Amino acid sequence: MRGSRQEGMMMGTEGLIAILRGVRPDEAAEIGEAVLAGGMTTLEVPLNSPSPLTSISALREQLGDRATVGAGTVLTADDVNACYDAGAQIIVAPNCEPAVIARAVQLGMTPYPGVATVTEAFHAINAGARHLKIFPASVLGTASMKAWRDVLPDDISFFPVGGMDASSVHEWALAGASGAGFGGSLYKAGRSASEVEARTGELVKAWLG
């Protein structure tokens, strides 16, 4: 894939990730349903949330095969093991740690390592990653992704995360991103399910343009 609008949107909304940092286990199912109602089907619970593994398990039980549920801020291979036991399907990290990537691949999960340079991108690819989290996207900008595309394998997908909101995401779609991760613009601790649904819908609409 290269950087046209059509190519960037080949995955439709499947590449959009709802980052539920701070979600509690007792509200995870309701918030998860709100995200799905808003039009996103991939959800991430960062490990610095309250009892994140319990929330991951709750989301998997509630949403079943209607969604893909994973863990974020995964820093070690031991974390990967714990997330796998909780039912996580994807492993998202803020950094490029080859051991995390390799373990996720070994367990049949999809890793999304964070990269900020083309060197980190190649390290991630060599460890087995095919989906790269561009982080922080608000600092790196679309120009970085476009430049990386010229030297990275054609089958690598890019997912900007960090500062993504309705005002910025369509620019990344036009530039060829396969999706994006939304944190505070979608969910913050204490936000109601109805507001989460509305915000999710707005972000999906912005992505599709």
N, C-alpha and C. Protein backbone atom coordinates (compact mmCIF):
# COMPACT_ATOMS: atom_id res chain seq x y z
N MET A 1 0.83 -1.20 0.00
CA MET A 1 0.00 0.00 0.00
C MET A 1 0.86 1.24 0.00
N ARG A 2 0.43 2.28 -0.75
CA ARG A 2 1.11 3.55 -0.76
C ARG A 2 0.10 4.64 -0.45
N GLY A 3 0.58 5.86 -0.37
CA GLY A 3 -0.19 6.89 0.28
C GLY A 3 -1.27 7.59 -0.49
N SER A 4 -2.28 6.93 -0.95
CA SER A 4 -3.44 7.61 -1.49
C SER A 4 -4.59 7.48 -0.52
N ARG A 5 -5.62 8.28 -0.76
CA ARG A 5 -6.79 8.24 0.12
C ARG A 5 -7.42 6.86 0.09
N GLN A 6 -7.58 6.31 -1.11
CA GLN A 6 -8.21 5.00 -1.24
C GLN A 6 -7.40 3.94 -0.52
N GLU A 7 -6.10 3.96 -0.69
CA GLU A 7 -5.25 2.95 -0.07
C GLU A 7 -5.27 3.08 1.44
N GLY A 8 -5.28 4.31 1.94
CA GLY A 8 -5.27 4.51 3.38
C GLY A 8 -6.54 4.02 4.03
N MET A 9 -7.64 3.93 3.22
CA MET A 9 -8.92 3.58 3.80
C MET A 9 -9.38 2.18 3.39
N MET A 10 -8.45 1.38 2.90
CA MET A 10 -8.82 0.04 2.46
C MET A 10 -9.43 -0.78 3.58
N MET A 11 -9.04 -0.52 4.82
CA MET A 11 -9.54 -1.28 5.94
C MET A 11 -10.86 -0.72 6.47
N GLY A 12 -11.40 0.35 5.85
CA GLY A 12 -12.61 0.97 6.37
C GLY A 12 -12.37 1.48 7.78
N THR A 13 -13.24 1.11 8.69
CA THR A 13 -13.08 1.55 10.09
C THR A 13 -12.40 0.48 10.94
N GLU A 14 -12.02 -0.64 10.34
CA GLU A 14 -11.47 -1.74 11.13
C GLU A 14 -10.15 -1.37 11.80
N GLY A 15 -9.42 -0.40 11.22
CA GLY A 15 -8.14 -0.01 11.79
C GLY A 15 -8.23 1.04 12.88
N LEU A 16 -9.43 1.48 13.21
CA LEU A 16 -9.60 2.49 14.26
C LEU A 16 -9.64 1.82 15.62
N ILE A 17 -8.85 2.34 16.55
CA ILE A 17 -8.70 1.72 17.86
C ILE A 17 -9.15 2.67 18.96
N ALA A 18 -10.09 2.21 19.77
CA ALA A 18 -10.56 2.97 20.93
C ALA A 18 -9.67 2.64 22.13
N ILE A 19 -8.95 3.64 22.62
CA ILE A 19 -8.04 3.44 23.74
C ILE A 19 -8.77 3.82 25.03
N LEU A 20 -9.05 2.82 25.86
CA LEU A 20 -9.88 3.03 27.05
C LEU A 20 -9.01 3.15 28.31
N ARG A 21 -8.12 4.12 28.30
CA ARG A 21 -7.24 4.32 29.44
C ARG A 21 -8.04 4.81 30.65
N GLY A 22 -7.94 4.06 31.74
CA GLY A 22 -8.64 4.44 32.96
C GLY A 22 -9.98 3.76 33.15
N VAL A 23 -10.42 2.95 32.19
CA VAL A 23 -11.70 2.26 32.33
C VAL A 23 -11.64 1.28 33.50
N ARG A 24 -12.75 1.16 34.23
CA ARG A 24 -12.83 0.23 35.36
C ARG A 24 -13.53 -1.06 34.92
N PRO A 25 -13.20 -2.17 35.57
CA PRO A 25 -13.84 -3.44 35.20
C PRO A 25 -15.36 -3.40 35.28
N ASP A 26 -15.91 -2.67 36.27
CA ASP A 26 -17.37 -2.66 36.44
C ASP A 26 -18.09 -1.88 35.35
N GLU A 27 -17.37 -1.06 34.57
CA GLU A 27 -18.00 -0.29 33.50
C GLU A 27 -17.51 -0.73 32.12
N ALA A 28 -16.55 -1.64 32.08
CA ALA A 28 -15.92 -2.00 30.82
C ALA A 28 -16.93 -2.49 29.79
N ALA A 29 -17.84 -3.37 30.18
CA ALA A 29 -18.80 -3.93 29.24
C ALA A 29 -19.68 -2.84 28.64
N GLU A 30 -20.16 -1.93 29.47
CA GLU A 30 -21.05 -0.86 28.99
C GLU A 30 -20.29 0.09 28.04
N ILE A 31 -19.08 0.44 28.42
CA ILE A 31 -18.27 1.32 27.57
C ILE A 31 -17.93 0.62 26.26
N GLY A 32 -17.63 -0.67 26.33
CA GLY A 32 -17.34 -1.43 25.13
C GLY A 32 -18.51 -1.43 24.16
N GLU A 33 -19.71 -1.63 24.67
CA GLU A 33 -20.89 -1.61 23.82
C GLU A 33 -21.08 -0.22 23.21
N ALA A 34 -20.76 0.81 23.96
CA ALA A 34 -20.90 2.18 23.44
C ALA A 34 -19.94 2.42 22.28
N VAL A 35 -18.72 1.89 22.40
CA VAL A 35 -17.74 2.03 21.32
C VAL A 35 -18.24 1.33 20.06
N LEU A 36 -18.76 0.12 20.21
CA LEU A 36 -19.29 -0.61 19.07
C LEU A 36 -20.47 0.13 18.45
N ALA A 37 -21.34 0.67 19.27
CA ALA A 37 -22.50 1.40 18.77
C ALA A 37 -22.07 2.63 17.98
N GLY A 38 -20.91 3.21 18.37
CA GLY A 38 -20.40 4.38 17.68
C GLY A 38 -19.68 4.06 16.40
N GLY A 39 -19.35 2.79 16.17
CA GLY A 39 -18.79 2.40 14.89
C GLY A 39 -17.37 1.87 14.89
N MET A 40 -16.76 1.68 16.07
CA MET A 40 -15.42 1.09 16.14
C MET A 40 -15.51 -0.31 16.70
N THR A 41 -14.64 -1.20 16.24
CA THR A 41 -14.70 -2.59 16.68
C THR A 41 -13.38 -3.10 17.25
N THR A 42 -12.41 -2.21 17.45
CA THR A 42 -11.16 -2.59 18.09
C THR A 42 -10.97 -1.73 19.32
N LEU A 43 -10.73 -2.39 20.46
CA LEU A 43 -10.62 -1.69 21.73
C LEU A 43 -9.34 -2.09 22.44
N GLU A 44 -8.75 -1.13 23.09
CA GLU A 44 -7.48 -1.35 23.80
C GLU A 44 -7.62 -0.86 25.24
N VAL A 45 -7.24 -1.71 26.19
CA VAL A 45 -7.19 -1.30 27.60
C VAL A 45 -5.73 -1.18 28.01
N PRO A 46 -5.22 0.03 28.23
CA PRO A 46 -3.83 0.18 28.65
C PRO A 46 -3.60 -0.45 30.02
N LEU A 47 -2.42 -0.99 30.21
CA LEU A 47 -2.13 -1.70 31.46
C LEU A 47 -1.97 -0.78 32.65
N ASN A 48 -1.93 0.53 32.43
CA ASN A 48 -1.92 1.45 33.58
C ASN A 48 -3.32 1.94 33.93
N SER A 49 -4.32 1.14 33.55
CA SER A 49 -5.70 1.36 33.97
C SER A 49 -5.98 0.53 35.22
N PRO A 50 -7.07 0.81 35.94
CA PRO A 50 -7.41 0.01 37.12
C PRO A 50 -7.75 -1.44 36.73
N SER A 51 -7.06 -2.40 37.31
CA SER A 51 -7.32 -3.82 37.05
C SER A 51 -7.53 -4.09 35.56
N PRO A 52 -6.55 -3.76 34.73
CA PRO A 52 -6.73 -3.84 33.27
C PRO A 52 -7.03 -5.23 32.75
N LEU A 53 -6.41 -6.24 33.34
CA LEU A 53 -6.63 -7.60 32.84
C LEU A 53 -8.07 -8.04 33.07
N THR A 54 -8.64 -7.60 34.19
CA THR A 54 -10.05 -7.92 34.46
C THR A 54 -10.95 -7.23 33.44
N SER A 55 -10.61 -5.99 33.09
CA SER A 55 -11.40 -5.27 32.08
C SER A 55 -11.30 -5.93 30.72
N ILE A 56 -10.09 -6.39 30.37
CA ILE A 56 -9.92 -7.08 29.09
C ILE A 56 -10.78 -8.33 29.04
N SER A 57 -10.77 -9.10 30.10
CA SER A 57 -11.59 -10.32 30.16
C SER A 57 -13.07 -9.98 30.07
N ALA A 58 -13.48 -8.91 30.75
CA ALA A 58 -14.88 -8.50 30.72
C ALA A 58 -15.31 -8.09 29.32
N LEU A 59 -14.45 -7.37 28.63
CA LEU A 59 -14.76 -6.95 27.26
C LEU A 59 -14.85 -8.14 26.32
N ARG A 60 -13.93 -9.08 26.46
CA ARG A 60 -13.97 -10.27 25.60
C ARG A 60 -15.26 -11.05 25.84
N GLU A 61 -15.65 -11.18 27.09
CA GLU A 61 -16.86 -11.93 27.41
C GLU A 61 -18.10 -11.21 26.87
N GLN A 62 -18.14 -9.90 27.02
CA GLN A 62 -19.30 -9.13 26.59
C GLN A 62 -19.40 -9.03 25.07
N LEU A 63 -18.29 -8.75 24.41
CA LEU A 63 -18.33 -8.42 22.99
C LEU A 63 -18.11 -9.62 22.07
N GLY A 64 -17.48 -10.67 22.60
CA GLY A 64 -17.28 -11.87 21.81
C GLY A 64 -16.61 -11.61 20.48
N ASP A 65 -17.14 -12.21 19.42
CA ASP A 65 -16.51 -12.07 18.11
C ASP A 65 -16.97 -10.80 17.37
N ARG A 66 -17.69 -9.94 18.07
CA ARG A 66 -18.09 -8.66 17.46
C ARG A 66 -16.98 -7.63 17.49
N ALA A 67 -15.94 -7.90 18.27
CA ALA A 67 -14.87 -6.90 18.43
C ALA A 67 -13.53 -7.60 18.62
N THR A 68 -12.48 -6.81 18.42
CA THR A 68 -11.11 -7.23 18.75
C THR A 68 -10.69 -6.45 19.98
N VAL A 69 -10.24 -7.17 21.00
CA VAL A 69 -9.89 -6.53 22.28
C VAL A 69 -8.42 -6.79 22.59
N GLY A 70 -7.74 -5.77 23.01
CA GLY A 70 -6.33 -5.94 23.32
C GLY A 70 -5.87 -5.11 24.48
N ALA A 71 -4.57 -5.14 24.70
CA ALA A 71 -3.94 -4.43 25.80
C ALA A 71 -2.98 -3.38 25.26
N GLY A 72 -2.86 -2.29 25.98
CA GLY A 72 -1.93 -1.24 25.60
C GLY A 72 -0.91 -0.98 26.69
N THR A 73 0.09 -0.18 26.36
CA THR A 73 1.19 0.12 27.28
C THR A 73 1.82 -1.17 27.80
N VAL A 74 2.02 -2.10 26.87
CA VAL A 74 2.61 -3.41 27.20
C VAL A 74 4.13 -3.29 27.03
N LEU A 75 4.86 -3.49 28.12
CA LEU A 75 6.29 -3.17 28.12
C LEU A 75 7.22 -4.37 28.22
N THR A 76 6.73 -5.51 28.67
CA THR A 76 7.59 -6.67 28.84
C THR A 76 6.93 -7.93 28.29
N ALA A 77 7.75 -8.95 28.05
CA ALA A 77 7.23 -10.23 27.59
C ALA A 77 6.33 -10.87 28.64
N ASP A 78 6.64 -10.66 29.92
CA ASP A 78 5.77 -11.17 30.98
C ASP A 78 4.39 -10.51 30.92
N ASP A 79 4.37 -9.22 30.59
CA ASP A 79 3.08 -8.54 30.41
C ASP A 79 2.29 -9.19 29.27
N VAL A 80 2.98 -9.53 28.21
CA VAL A 80 2.32 -10.18 27.07
C VAL A 80 1.67 -11.49 27.52
N ASN A 81 2.38 -12.27 28.30
CA ASN A 81 1.84 -13.54 28.79
C ASN A 81 0.56 -13.31 29.60
N ALA A 82 0.60 -12.31 30.48
CA ALA A 82 -0.56 -12.02 31.33
C ALA A 82 -1.75 -11.55 30.48
N CYS A 83 -1.46 -10.74 29.47
CA CYS A 83 -2.52 -10.25 28.59
C CYS A 83 -3.14 -11.40 27.79
N TYR A 84 -2.31 -12.31 27.35
CA TYR A 84 -2.79 -13.48 26.62
C TYR A 84 -3.74 -14.30 27.49
N ASP A 85 -3.35 -14.50 28.74
CA ASP A 85 -4.19 -15.27 29.66
C ASP A 85 -5.53 -14.58 29.91
N ALA A 86 -5.54 -13.24 29.82
CA ALA A 86 -6.77 -12.48 30.03
C ALA A 86 -7.65 -12.45 28.79
N GLY A 87 -7.11 -12.91 27.66
CA GLY A 87 -7.90 -12.96 26.44
C GLY A 87 -7.57 -11.90 25.41
N ALA A 88 -6.50 -11.14 25.64
CA ALA A 88 -6.14 -10.09 24.69
C ALA A 88 -5.80 -10.67 23.32
N GLN A 89 -6.20 -9.94 22.29
CA GLN A 89 -5.93 -10.37 20.91
C GLN A 89 -4.87 -9.52 20.24
N ILE A 90 -4.70 -8.29 20.70
CA ILE A 90 -3.66 -7.42 20.17
C ILE A 90 -2.82 -6.88 21.32
N ILE A 91 -1.57 -6.56 21.02
CA ILE A 91 -0.63 -6.03 22.00
C ILE A 91 -0.10 -4.70 21.47
N VAL A 92 -0.41 -3.63 22.17
CA VAL A 92 0.00 -2.29 21.75
C VAL A 92 1.02 -1.75 22.75
N ALA A 93 2.08 -1.15 22.23
CA ALA A 93 3.14 -0.63 23.09
C ALA A 93 3.51 0.79 22.67
N PRO A 94 4.01 1.59 23.61
CA PRO A 94 4.45 2.95 23.26
C PRO A 94 5.84 2.96 22.65
N ASN A 95 6.53 1.81 22.75
CA ASN A 95 7.92 1.73 22.31
C ASN A 95 8.13 0.48 21.46
N CYS A 96 9.36 0.33 20.98
CA CYS A 96 9.72 -0.83 20.17
C CYS A 96 10.60 -1.75 21.00
N GLU A 97 9.99 -2.79 21.57
CA GLU A 97 10.71 -3.77 22.37
C GLU A 97 10.62 -5.12 21.66
N PRO A 98 11.70 -5.57 21.03
CA PRO A 98 11.66 -6.80 20.24
C PRO A 98 11.12 -8.01 21.01
N ALA A 99 11.43 -8.11 22.30
CA ALA A 99 10.96 -9.26 23.07
C ALA A 99 9.44 -9.26 23.20
N VAL A 100 8.85 -8.09 23.32
CA VAL A 100 7.40 -7.98 23.41
C VAL A 100 6.77 -8.38 22.07
N ILE A 101 7.34 -7.87 20.99
CA ILE A 101 6.83 -8.19 19.66
C ILE A 101 6.91 -9.69 19.39
N ALA A 102 8.07 -10.25 19.65
CA ALA A 102 8.29 -11.67 19.36
C ALA A 102 7.37 -12.56 20.17
N ARG A 103 7.17 -12.22 21.44
CA ARG A 103 6.30 -13.04 22.28
C ARG A 103 4.85 -12.96 21.82
N ALA A 104 4.41 -11.76 21.45
CA ALA A 104 3.04 -11.61 20.96
C ALA A 104 2.83 -12.45 19.71
N VAL A 105 3.77 -12.40 18.79
CA VAL A 105 3.66 -13.19 17.57
C VAL A 105 3.66 -14.68 17.89
N GLN A 106 4.52 -15.08 18.81
CA GLN A 106 4.60 -16.49 19.20
C GLN A 106 3.28 -17.00 19.75
N LEU A 107 2.56 -16.13 20.46
CA LEU A 107 1.28 -16.52 21.07
C LEU A 107 0.09 -16.31 20.15
N GLY A 108 0.35 -15.86 18.93
CA GLY A 108 -0.74 -15.69 17.97
C GLY A 108 -1.47 -14.37 18.11
N MET A 109 -0.91 -13.41 18.82
CA MET A 109 -1.52 -12.09 18.94
C MET A 109 -0.86 -11.13 17.96
N THR A 110 -1.52 -10.02 17.69
CA THR A 110 -0.99 -9.04 16.75
C THR A 110 -0.34 -7.89 17.50
N PRO A 111 0.96 -7.67 17.31
CA PRO A 111 1.64 -6.57 18.01
C PRO A 111 1.56 -5.25 17.23
N TYR A 112 1.40 -4.18 17.98
CA TYR A 112 1.43 -2.82 17.44
C TYR A 112 2.50 -2.05 18.22
N PRO A 113 3.76 -2.22 17.88
CA PRO A 113 4.82 -1.51 18.60
C PRO A 113 4.85 -0.03 18.23
N GLY A 114 5.23 0.80 19.19
CA GLY A 114 5.36 2.22 18.94
C GLY A 114 6.70 2.54 18.32
N VAL A 115 6.70 3.34 17.25
CA VAL A 115 7.93 3.73 16.59
C VAL A 115 7.92 5.23 16.33
N ALA A 116 9.10 5.83 16.43
CA ALA A 116 9.22 7.27 16.19
C ALA A 116 10.31 7.58 15.17
N THR A 117 11.03 6.54 14.73
CA THR A 117 12.08 6.71 13.73
C THR A 117 12.05 5.52 12.77
N VAL A 118 12.66 5.69 11.62
CA VAL A 118 12.69 4.58 10.67
C VAL A 118 13.56 3.45 11.20
N THR A 119 14.55 3.77 12.02
CA THR A 119 15.38 2.72 12.64
C THR A 119 14.52 1.84 13.54
N GLU A 120 13.69 2.47 14.39
CA GLU A 120 12.79 1.70 15.25
C GLU A 120 11.80 0.90 14.41
N ALA A 121 11.35 1.47 13.31
CA ALA A 121 10.42 0.75 12.44
C ALA A 121 11.05 -0.53 11.91
N PHE A 122 12.30 -0.47 11.47
CA PHE A 122 12.96 -1.67 10.98
C PHE A 122 13.21 -2.68 12.10
N HIS A 123 13.55 -2.21 13.30
CA HIS A 123 13.71 -3.12 14.43
C HIS A 123 12.40 -3.86 14.70
N ALA A 124 11.29 -3.14 14.65
CA ALA A 124 9.98 -3.74 14.90
C ALA A 124 9.65 -4.77 13.83
N ILE A 125 9.92 -4.43 12.59
CA ILE A 125 9.63 -5.35 11.48
C ILE A 125 10.49 -6.60 11.60
N ASN A 126 11.75 -6.42 11.93
CA ASN A 126 12.65 -7.58 12.06
C ASN A 126 12.24 -8.49 13.20
N ALA A 127 11.54 -7.94 14.20
CA ALA A 127 11.07 -8.75 15.32
C ALA A 127 9.74 -9.44 15.02
N GLY A 128 9.12 -9.08 13.90
CA GLY A 128 7.89 -9.76 13.51
C GLY A 128 6.66 -8.90 13.38
N ALA A 129 6.78 -7.59 13.60
CA ALA A 129 5.61 -6.71 13.53
C ALA A 129 5.29 -6.34 12.09
N ARG A 130 4.01 -6.23 11.78
CA ARG A 130 3.56 -5.75 10.46
C ARG A 130 2.68 -4.51 10.61
N HIS A 131 2.31 -4.17 11.83
CA HIS A 131 1.49 -3.00 12.12
C HIS A 131 2.29 -2.07 13.03
N LEU A 132 2.56 -0.87 12.58
CA LEU A 132 3.39 0.06 13.35
C LEU A 132 2.57 1.21 13.88
N LYS A 133 2.71 1.44 15.16
CA LYS A 133 2.05 2.56 15.84
C LYS A 133 2.98 3.78 15.76
N ILE A 134 2.58 4.79 15.03
CA ILE A 134 3.38 6.01 14.92
C ILE A 134 3.08 6.87 16.15
N PHE A 135 4.07 7.03 17.01
CA PHE A 135 3.83 7.67 18.30
C PHE A 135 5.03 8.53 18.71
N PRO A 136 4.77 9.79 19.11
CA PRO A 136 3.48 10.49 19.12
C PRO A 136 3.18 11.12 17.77
N ALA A 137 2.03 10.80 17.23
CA ALA A 137 1.68 11.22 15.88
C ALA A 137 1.60 12.73 15.75
N SER A 138 1.16 13.41 16.79
CA SER A 138 1.01 14.86 16.71
C SER A 138 2.36 15.56 16.56
N VAL A 139 3.42 14.91 16.98
CA VAL A 139 4.77 15.47 16.85
C VAL A 139 5.40 15.06 15.52
N LEU A 140 5.23 13.79 15.14
CA LEU A 140 5.89 13.26 13.94
C LEU A 140 5.24 13.75 12.65
N GLY A 141 3.92 13.82 12.63
CA GLY A 141 3.23 14.31 11.45
C GLY A 141 3.19 13.31 10.30
N THR A 142 2.34 13.60 9.33
CA THR A 142 2.16 12.69 8.20
C THR A 142 3.40 12.61 7.32
N ALA A 143 4.23 13.65 7.33
CA ALA A 143 5.43 13.64 6.48
C ALA A 143 6.36 12.50 6.85
N SER A 144 6.44 12.18 8.14
CA SER A 144 7.29 11.07 8.58
C SER A 144 6.80 9.76 7.99
N MET A 145 5.50 9.52 8.09
CA MET A 145 4.95 8.27 7.57
C MET A 145 5.17 8.17 6.05
N LYS A 146 4.96 9.26 5.35
CA LYS A 146 5.15 9.24 3.90
C LYS A 146 6.60 8.91 3.54
N ALA A 147 7.55 9.47 4.30
CA ALA A 147 8.96 9.20 4.03
C ALA A 147 9.30 7.75 4.33
N TRP A 148 8.77 7.22 5.42
CA TRP A 148 9.05 5.83 5.78
C TRP A 148 8.52 4.87 4.72
N ARG A 149 7.39 5.20 4.12
CA ARG A 149 6.80 4.30 3.12
C ARG A 149 7.75 4.04 1.95
N ASP A 150 8.62 4.98 1.68
CA ASP A 150 9.54 4.83 0.56
C ASP A 150 10.59 3.75 0.80
N VAL A 151 10.82 3.40 2.07
CA VAL A 151 11.91 2.46 2.37
C VAL A 151 11.45 1.20 3.10
N LEU A 152 10.24 1.21 3.65
CA LEU A 152 9.74 0.04 4.37
C LEU A 152 8.99 -0.90 3.44
N PRO A 153 8.86 -2.18 3.81
CA PRO A 153 8.12 -3.13 2.98
C PRO A 153 6.70 -2.67 2.70
N ASP A 154 6.18 -3.06 1.54
CA ASP A 154 4.86 -2.60 1.11
C ASP A 154 3.72 -3.07 2.01
N ASP A 155 3.90 -4.19 2.72
CA ASP A 155 2.80 -4.75 3.49
C ASP A 155 2.73 -4.21 4.92
N ILE A 156 3.53 -3.21 5.23
CA ILE A 156 3.50 -2.63 6.58
C ILE A 156 2.38 -1.61 6.69
N SER A 157 1.61 -1.70 7.78
CA SER A 157 0.51 -0.78 8.03
C SER A 157 0.90 0.22 9.12
N PHE A 158 0.39 1.44 8.99
CA PHE A 158 0.71 2.51 9.93
C PHE A 158 -0.54 2.98 10.67
N PHE A 159 -0.37 3.20 11.98
CA PHE A 159 -1.48 3.62 12.83
C PHE A 159 -1.02 4.76 13.73
N PRO A 160 -1.34 6.00 13.38
CA PRO A 160 -0.95 7.13 14.21
C PRO A 160 -1.71 7.15 15.54
N VAL A 161 -0.98 7.43 16.60
CA VAL A 161 -1.55 7.51 17.94
C VAL A 161 -0.87 8.66 18.68
N GLY A 162 -1.64 9.39 19.46
CA GLY A 162 -1.09 10.50 20.23
C GLY A 162 -1.55 11.83 19.69
N GLY A 163 -2.56 12.41 20.33
CA GLY A 163 -3.09 13.68 19.87
C GLY A 163 -4.08 13.56 18.73
N MET A 164 -4.57 12.35 18.47
CA MET A 164 -5.50 12.15 17.36
C MET A 164 -6.92 12.55 17.77
N ASP A 165 -7.54 13.37 16.93
CA ASP A 165 -8.92 13.77 17.18
C ASP A 165 -9.63 14.01 15.86
N ALA A 166 -10.86 14.50 15.92
CA ALA A 166 -11.65 14.66 14.71
C ALA A 166 -11.06 15.70 13.75
N SER A 167 -10.24 16.60 14.27
CA SER A 167 -9.68 17.64 13.41
C SER A 167 -8.44 17.17 12.66
N SER A 168 -7.84 16.08 13.10
CA SER A 168 -6.56 15.66 12.51
C SER A 168 -6.61 14.31 11.80
N VAL A 169 -7.56 13.47 12.11
CA VAL A 169 -7.48 12.08 11.65
C VAL A 169 -7.66 11.94 10.15
N HIS A 170 -8.47 12.79 9.53
CA HIS A 170 -8.69 12.62 8.09
C HIS A 170 -7.42 12.91 7.30
N GLU A 171 -6.61 13.81 7.80
CA GLU A 171 -5.32 14.08 7.15
C GLU A 171 -4.48 12.82 7.07
N TRP A 172 -4.52 12.02 8.13
CA TRP A 172 -3.76 10.76 8.14
C TRP A 172 -4.38 9.74 7.20
N ALA A 173 -5.71 9.73 7.10
CA ALA A 173 -6.37 8.83 6.15
C ALA A 173 -5.95 9.19 4.73
N LEU A 174 -5.93 10.47 4.43
CA LEU A 174 -5.51 10.91 3.09
C LEU A 174 -4.06 10.56 2.81
N ALA A 175 -3.24 10.56 3.85
CA ALA A 175 -1.81 10.28 3.70
C ALA A 175 -1.50 8.80 3.58
N GLY A 176 -2.48 7.94 3.85
CA GLY A 176 -2.28 6.50 3.67
C GLY A 176 -2.24 5.67 4.94
N ALA A 177 -2.61 6.25 6.08
CA ALA A 177 -2.66 5.45 7.32
C ALA A 177 -3.75 4.39 7.19
N SER A 178 -3.54 3.25 7.84
CA SER A 178 -4.52 2.16 7.80
C SER A 178 -5.52 2.25 8.94
N GLY A 179 -5.29 3.17 9.84
CA GLY A 179 -6.18 3.37 10.98
C GLY A 179 -5.56 4.38 11.91
N ALA A 180 -6.10 4.46 13.13
CA ALA A 180 -5.58 5.40 14.12
C ALA A 180 -6.08 4.99 15.49
N GLY A 181 -5.35 5.42 16.51
CA GLY A 181 -5.76 5.16 17.88
C GLY A 181 -6.21 6.45 18.55
N PHE A 182 -7.35 6.38 19.25
CA PHE A 182 -7.93 7.56 19.89
C PHE A 182 -7.99 7.36 21.41
N GLY A 183 -7.35 8.24 22.14
CA GLY A 183 -7.36 8.18 23.59
C GLY A 183 -8.34 9.16 24.18
N GLY A 184 -7.81 10.30 24.65
CA GLY A 184 -8.64 11.28 25.34
C GLY A 184 -9.75 11.88 24.51
N SER A 185 -9.60 11.88 23.20
CA SER A 185 -10.66 12.42 22.35
C SER A 185 -11.87 11.50 22.31
N LEU A 186 -11.70 10.24 22.74
CA LEU A 186 -12.79 9.27 22.76
C LEU A 186 -13.22 8.93 24.18
N TYR A 187 -12.24 8.59 25.01
CA TYR A 187 -12.58 8.15 26.37
C TYR A 187 -11.63 8.74 27.40
N LYS A 188 -12.20 9.19 28.49
CA LYS A 188 -11.46 9.54 29.68
C LYS A 188 -12.19 8.94 30.87
N ALA A 189 -11.46 8.64 31.93
CA ALA A 189 -12.07 8.03 33.11
C ALA A 189 -13.26 8.87 33.59
N GLY A 190 -14.37 8.20 33.78
CA GLY A 190 -15.57 8.86 34.26
C GLY A 190 -16.52 9.31 33.17
N ARG A 191 -16.10 9.25 31.92
CA ARG A 191 -16.96 9.67 30.82
C ARG A 191 -18.09 8.66 30.65
N SER A 192 -19.29 9.15 30.42
CA SER A 192 -20.46 8.28 30.33
C SER A 192 -20.47 7.48 29.03
N ALA A 193 -21.20 6.38 29.05
CA ALA A 193 -21.30 5.55 27.86
C ALA A 193 -21.94 6.31 26.70
N SER A 194 -22.94 7.13 26.99
CA SER A 194 -23.60 7.88 25.92
C SER A 194 -22.65 8.87 25.27
N GLU A 195 -21.80 9.51 26.07
CA GLU A 195 -20.82 10.45 25.50
C GLU A 195 -19.76 9.69 24.71
N VAL A 196 -19.36 8.53 25.20
CA VAL A 196 -18.37 7.72 24.48
C VAL A 196 -18.93 7.30 23.12
N GLU A 197 -20.18 6.90 23.09
CA GLU A 197 -20.79 6.51 21.82
C GLU A 197 -20.81 7.69 20.84
N ALA A 198 -21.19 8.86 21.34
CA ALA A 198 -21.26 10.04 20.48
C ALA A 198 -19.88 10.43 19.96
N ARG A 199 -18.89 10.41 20.84
CA ARG A 199 -17.54 10.77 20.43
C ARG A 199 -16.97 9.75 19.44
N THR A 200 -17.25 8.49 19.67
CA THR A 200 -16.80 7.46 18.74
C THR A 200 -17.38 7.69 17.36
N GLY A 201 -18.66 7.99 17.31
CA GLY A 201 -19.30 8.25 16.03
C GLY A 201 -18.71 9.45 15.32
N GLU A 202 -18.38 10.49 16.06
CA GLU A 202 -17.78 11.69 15.46
C GLU A 202 -16.41 11.37 14.87
N LEU A 203 -15.64 10.56 15.58
CA LEU A 203 -14.29 10.21 15.10
C LEU A 203 -14.35 9.31 13.87
N VAL A 204 -15.29 8.39 13.86
CA VAL A 204 -15.48 7.54 12.68
C VAL A 204 -15.85 8.39 11.47
N LYS A 205 -16.78 9.32 11.67
CA LYS A 205 -17.20 10.20 10.58
C LYS A 205 -16.03 11.02 10.06
N ALA A 206 -15.21 11.53 10.99
CA ALA A 206 -14.05 12.34 10.58
C ALA A 206 -13.06 11.51 9.80
N TRP A 207 -12.82 10.28 10.22
CA TRP A 207 -11.90 9.38 9.52
C TRP A 207 -12.37 9.14 8.08
N LEU A 208 -13.64 8.87 7.93
CA LEU A 208 -14.20 8.57 6.61
C LEU A 208 -14.29 9.81 5.73
N GLY A 209 -14.30 10.98 6.37
CA GLY A 209 -14.32 12.23 5.61
C GLY A 209 -15.65 12.48 4.95
